[in-house]
C-alpha cells in the first residue's frame, strides 16, 4: 500500500515510513518542483520514496 501512496504523494509515503525530517525536506522541495516544472520532477521523488521504503532504518 505504501508503494501506491509513493506514486501520488511521495512526502506522505516517506513520513509514514518513519523519516519525519526527510519528509518535511522533500515536501518543501516537492511542492515548488511540481508547480514550476509541471510534474517533470515527480518521477525522481517517486524513486526516492520507493528507495526509502525498500531500505528501512534499523
N, C-alpha and C. Protein backbone atom coordinates (compact mmCIF):
# COMPACT_ATOMS: atom_id res chain seq x y z
N UNK A 1 0.82 -1.20 0.00
CA UNK A 1 0.00 0.00 0.00
C UNK A 1 0.87 1.26 0.00
N UNK A 2 2.00 1.18 0.70
CA UNK A 2 2.88 2.34 0.77
C UNK A 2 3.49 2.65 -0.59
N UNK A 3 3.69 1.64 -1.43
CA UNK A 3 4.23 1.87 -2.77
C UNK A 3 3.23 2.65 -3.62
N UNK A 4 1.97 2.35 -3.49
CA UNK A 4 0.93 3.07 -4.24
C UNK A 4 0.86 4.52 -3.75
N UNK A 5 0.96 4.71 -2.46
CA UNK A 5 0.96 6.06 -1.90
C UNK A 5 2.17 6.85 -2.40
N UNK A 6 3.29 6.17 -2.58
CA UNK A 6 4.50 6.84 -3.08
C UNK A 6 4.32 7.35 -4.50
N UNK A 7 3.43 6.73 -5.26
CA UNK A 7 3.17 7.21 -6.63
C UNK A 7 2.50 8.58 -6.64
N UNK A 8 1.60 8.81 -5.69
CA UNK A 8 0.81 10.03 -5.71
C UNK A 8 1.30 11.10 -4.73
N UNK A 9 1.74 10.69 -3.55
CA UNK A 9 2.21 11.63 -2.53
C UNK A 9 3.51 11.13 -1.89
N UNK A 10 4.63 11.30 -2.58
CA UNK A 10 5.89 10.79 -2.04
C UNK A 10 6.25 11.32 -0.65
N UNK A 11 6.03 12.61 -0.32
CA UNK A 11 6.38 13.06 1.02
C UNK A 11 5.57 12.35 2.12
N UNK A 12 4.30 12.07 1.86
CA UNK A 12 3.49 11.37 2.86
C UNK A 12 3.96 9.93 3.01
N UNK A 13 4.35 9.32 1.93
CA UNK A 13 4.87 7.96 1.99
C UNK A 13 6.15 7.89 2.81
N UNK A 14 7.02 8.88 2.62
CA UNK A 14 8.25 8.94 3.39
C UNK A 14 7.95 9.18 4.86
N UNK A 15 6.97 10.02 5.15
CA UNK A 15 6.57 10.27 6.53
C UNK A 15 6.05 9.01 7.20
N UNK A 16 5.23 8.24 6.51
CA UNK A 16 4.70 7.01 7.07
C UNK A 16 5.77 5.94 7.22
N UNK A 17 6.88 6.13 6.54
CA UNK A 17 8.00 5.20 6.67
C UNK A 17 8.84 5.51 7.90
N UNK A 18 8.56 6.61 8.57
CA UNK A 18 9.22 6.94 9.82
C UNK A 18 10.35 7.94 9.70
N UNK A 19 10.47 8.61 8.59
CA UNK A 19 11.54 9.59 8.40
C UNK A 19 10.91 10.98 8.31
N UNK A 20 10.71 11.57 9.48
CA UNK A 20 9.95 12.81 9.60
C UNK A 20 10.70 14.00 8.99
N UNK A 21 11.95 14.17 9.37
CA UNK A 21 12.71 15.33 8.90
C UNK A 21 12.91 15.27 7.39
N UNK A 22 13.24 14.10 6.87
CA UNK A 22 13.40 13.94 5.43
C UNK A 22 12.09 14.19 4.70
N UNK A 23 10.99 13.79 5.31
CA UNK A 23 9.68 14.02 4.72
C UNK A 23 9.38 15.51 4.59
N UNK A 24 9.72 16.27 5.60
CA UNK A 24 9.50 17.72 5.56
C UNK A 24 10.37 18.37 4.49
N UNK A 25 11.63 17.94 4.42
CA UNK A 25 12.54 18.50 3.41
C UNK A 25 12.05 18.17 2.00
N UNK A 26 11.64 16.92 1.79
CA UNK A 26 11.14 16.51 0.47
C UNK A 26 9.86 17.28 0.12
N UNK A 27 9.00 17.49 1.09
CA UNK A 27 7.77 18.24 0.83
C UNK A 27 8.07 19.68 0.41
N UNK A 28 9.04 20.30 1.10
CA UNK A 28 9.38 21.68 0.78
C UNK A 28 10.03 21.82 -0.60
N UNK A 29 10.65 20.75 -1.08
CA UNK A 29 11.22 20.77 -2.43
C UNK A 29 10.20 20.31 -3.46
N UNK A 30 9.35 19.33 -3.08
CA UNK A 30 8.41 18.69 -3.99
C UNK A 30 7.33 19.65 -4.49
N UNK A 31 6.75 20.43 -3.61
CA UNK A 31 5.65 21.32 -3.99
C UNK A 31 6.09 22.35 -5.03
N UNK A 32 7.18 23.10 -4.80
CA UNK A 32 7.60 24.04 -5.85
C UNK A 32 8.04 23.33 -7.14
N UNK A 33 8.64 22.16 -7.01
CA UNK A 33 9.08 21.42 -8.20
C UNK A 33 7.88 21.01 -9.05
N UNK A 34 6.80 20.58 -8.41
CA UNK A 34 5.59 20.20 -9.14
C UNK A 34 4.97 21.43 -9.80
N UNK A 35 4.95 22.55 -9.09
CA UNK A 35 4.32 23.76 -9.63
C UNK A 35 5.12 24.33 -10.80
N UNK A 36 6.44 24.45 -10.63
CA UNK A 36 7.25 25.13 -11.64
C UNK A 36 7.62 24.24 -12.83
N UNK A 37 7.78 22.93 -12.60
CA UNK A 37 8.19 22.07 -13.71
C UNK A 37 7.01 21.39 -14.38
N UNK A 38 5.84 21.52 -13.82
CA UNK A 38 4.67 20.88 -14.41
C UNK A 38 4.64 19.38 -14.19
N UNK A 39 5.33 18.88 -13.20
CA UNK A 39 5.31 17.47 -12.89
C UNK A 39 6.46 16.67 -13.47
N UNK A 40 7.40 17.34 -14.11
CA UNK A 40 8.52 16.61 -14.73
C UNK A 40 9.47 16.00 -13.70
N UNK A 41 9.53 16.56 -12.50
CA UNK A 41 10.43 16.03 -11.47
C UNK A 41 9.75 15.01 -10.57
N UNK A 42 8.47 14.76 -10.79
CA UNK A 42 7.73 13.84 -9.93
C UNK A 42 8.32 12.42 -9.93
N UNK A 43 8.75 11.87 -11.06
CA UNK A 43 9.35 10.52 -11.02
C UNK A 43 10.59 10.42 -10.14
N UNK A 44 11.34 11.50 -10.01
CA UNK A 44 12.51 11.49 -9.15
C UNK A 44 12.10 11.29 -7.69
N UNK A 45 11.01 11.94 -7.27
CA UNK A 45 10.54 11.80 -5.90
C UNK A 45 9.90 10.44 -5.66
N UNK A 46 9.27 9.88 -6.68
CA UNK A 46 8.72 8.52 -6.56
C UNK A 46 9.87 7.54 -6.35
N UNK A 47 10.94 7.68 -7.13
CA UNK A 47 12.10 6.78 -6.98
C UNK A 47 12.72 6.93 -5.60
N UNK A 48 12.81 8.15 -5.09
CA UNK A 48 13.35 8.37 -3.74
C UNK A 48 12.47 7.70 -2.69
N UNK A 49 11.16 7.86 -2.79
CA UNK A 49 10.26 7.25 -1.82
C UNK A 49 10.34 5.73 -1.88
N UNK A 50 10.38 5.15 -3.08
CA UNK A 50 10.48 3.69 -3.19
C UNK A 50 11.80 3.19 -2.62
N UNK A 51 12.88 3.93 -2.86
CA UNK A 51 14.18 3.54 -2.31
C UNK A 51 14.14 3.56 -0.79
N UNK A 52 13.53 4.58 -0.22
CA UNK A 52 13.47 4.68 1.24
C UNK A 52 12.54 3.63 1.84
N UNK A 53 11.54 3.20 1.10
CA UNK A 53 10.65 2.14 1.58
C UNK A 53 11.40 0.81 1.60
N UNK A 54 12.18 0.58 0.55
CA UNK A 54 12.94 -0.68 0.45
C UNK A 54 14.04 -0.77 1.49
N UNK A 55 14.71 0.35 1.76
CA UNK A 55 15.81 0.38 2.73
C UNK A 55 15.28 1.00 4.01
N UNK A 56 14.72 0.18 4.85
CA UNK A 56 14.14 0.68 6.11
C UNK A 56 15.21 0.87 7.16
N UNK A 57 15.04 1.88 8.03
CA UNK A 57 16.01 2.08 9.11
C UNK A 57 15.93 0.93 10.12
N UNK A 58 17.06 0.63 10.72
CA UNK A 58 17.11 -0.47 11.69
C UNK A 58 16.48 -0.12 13.00
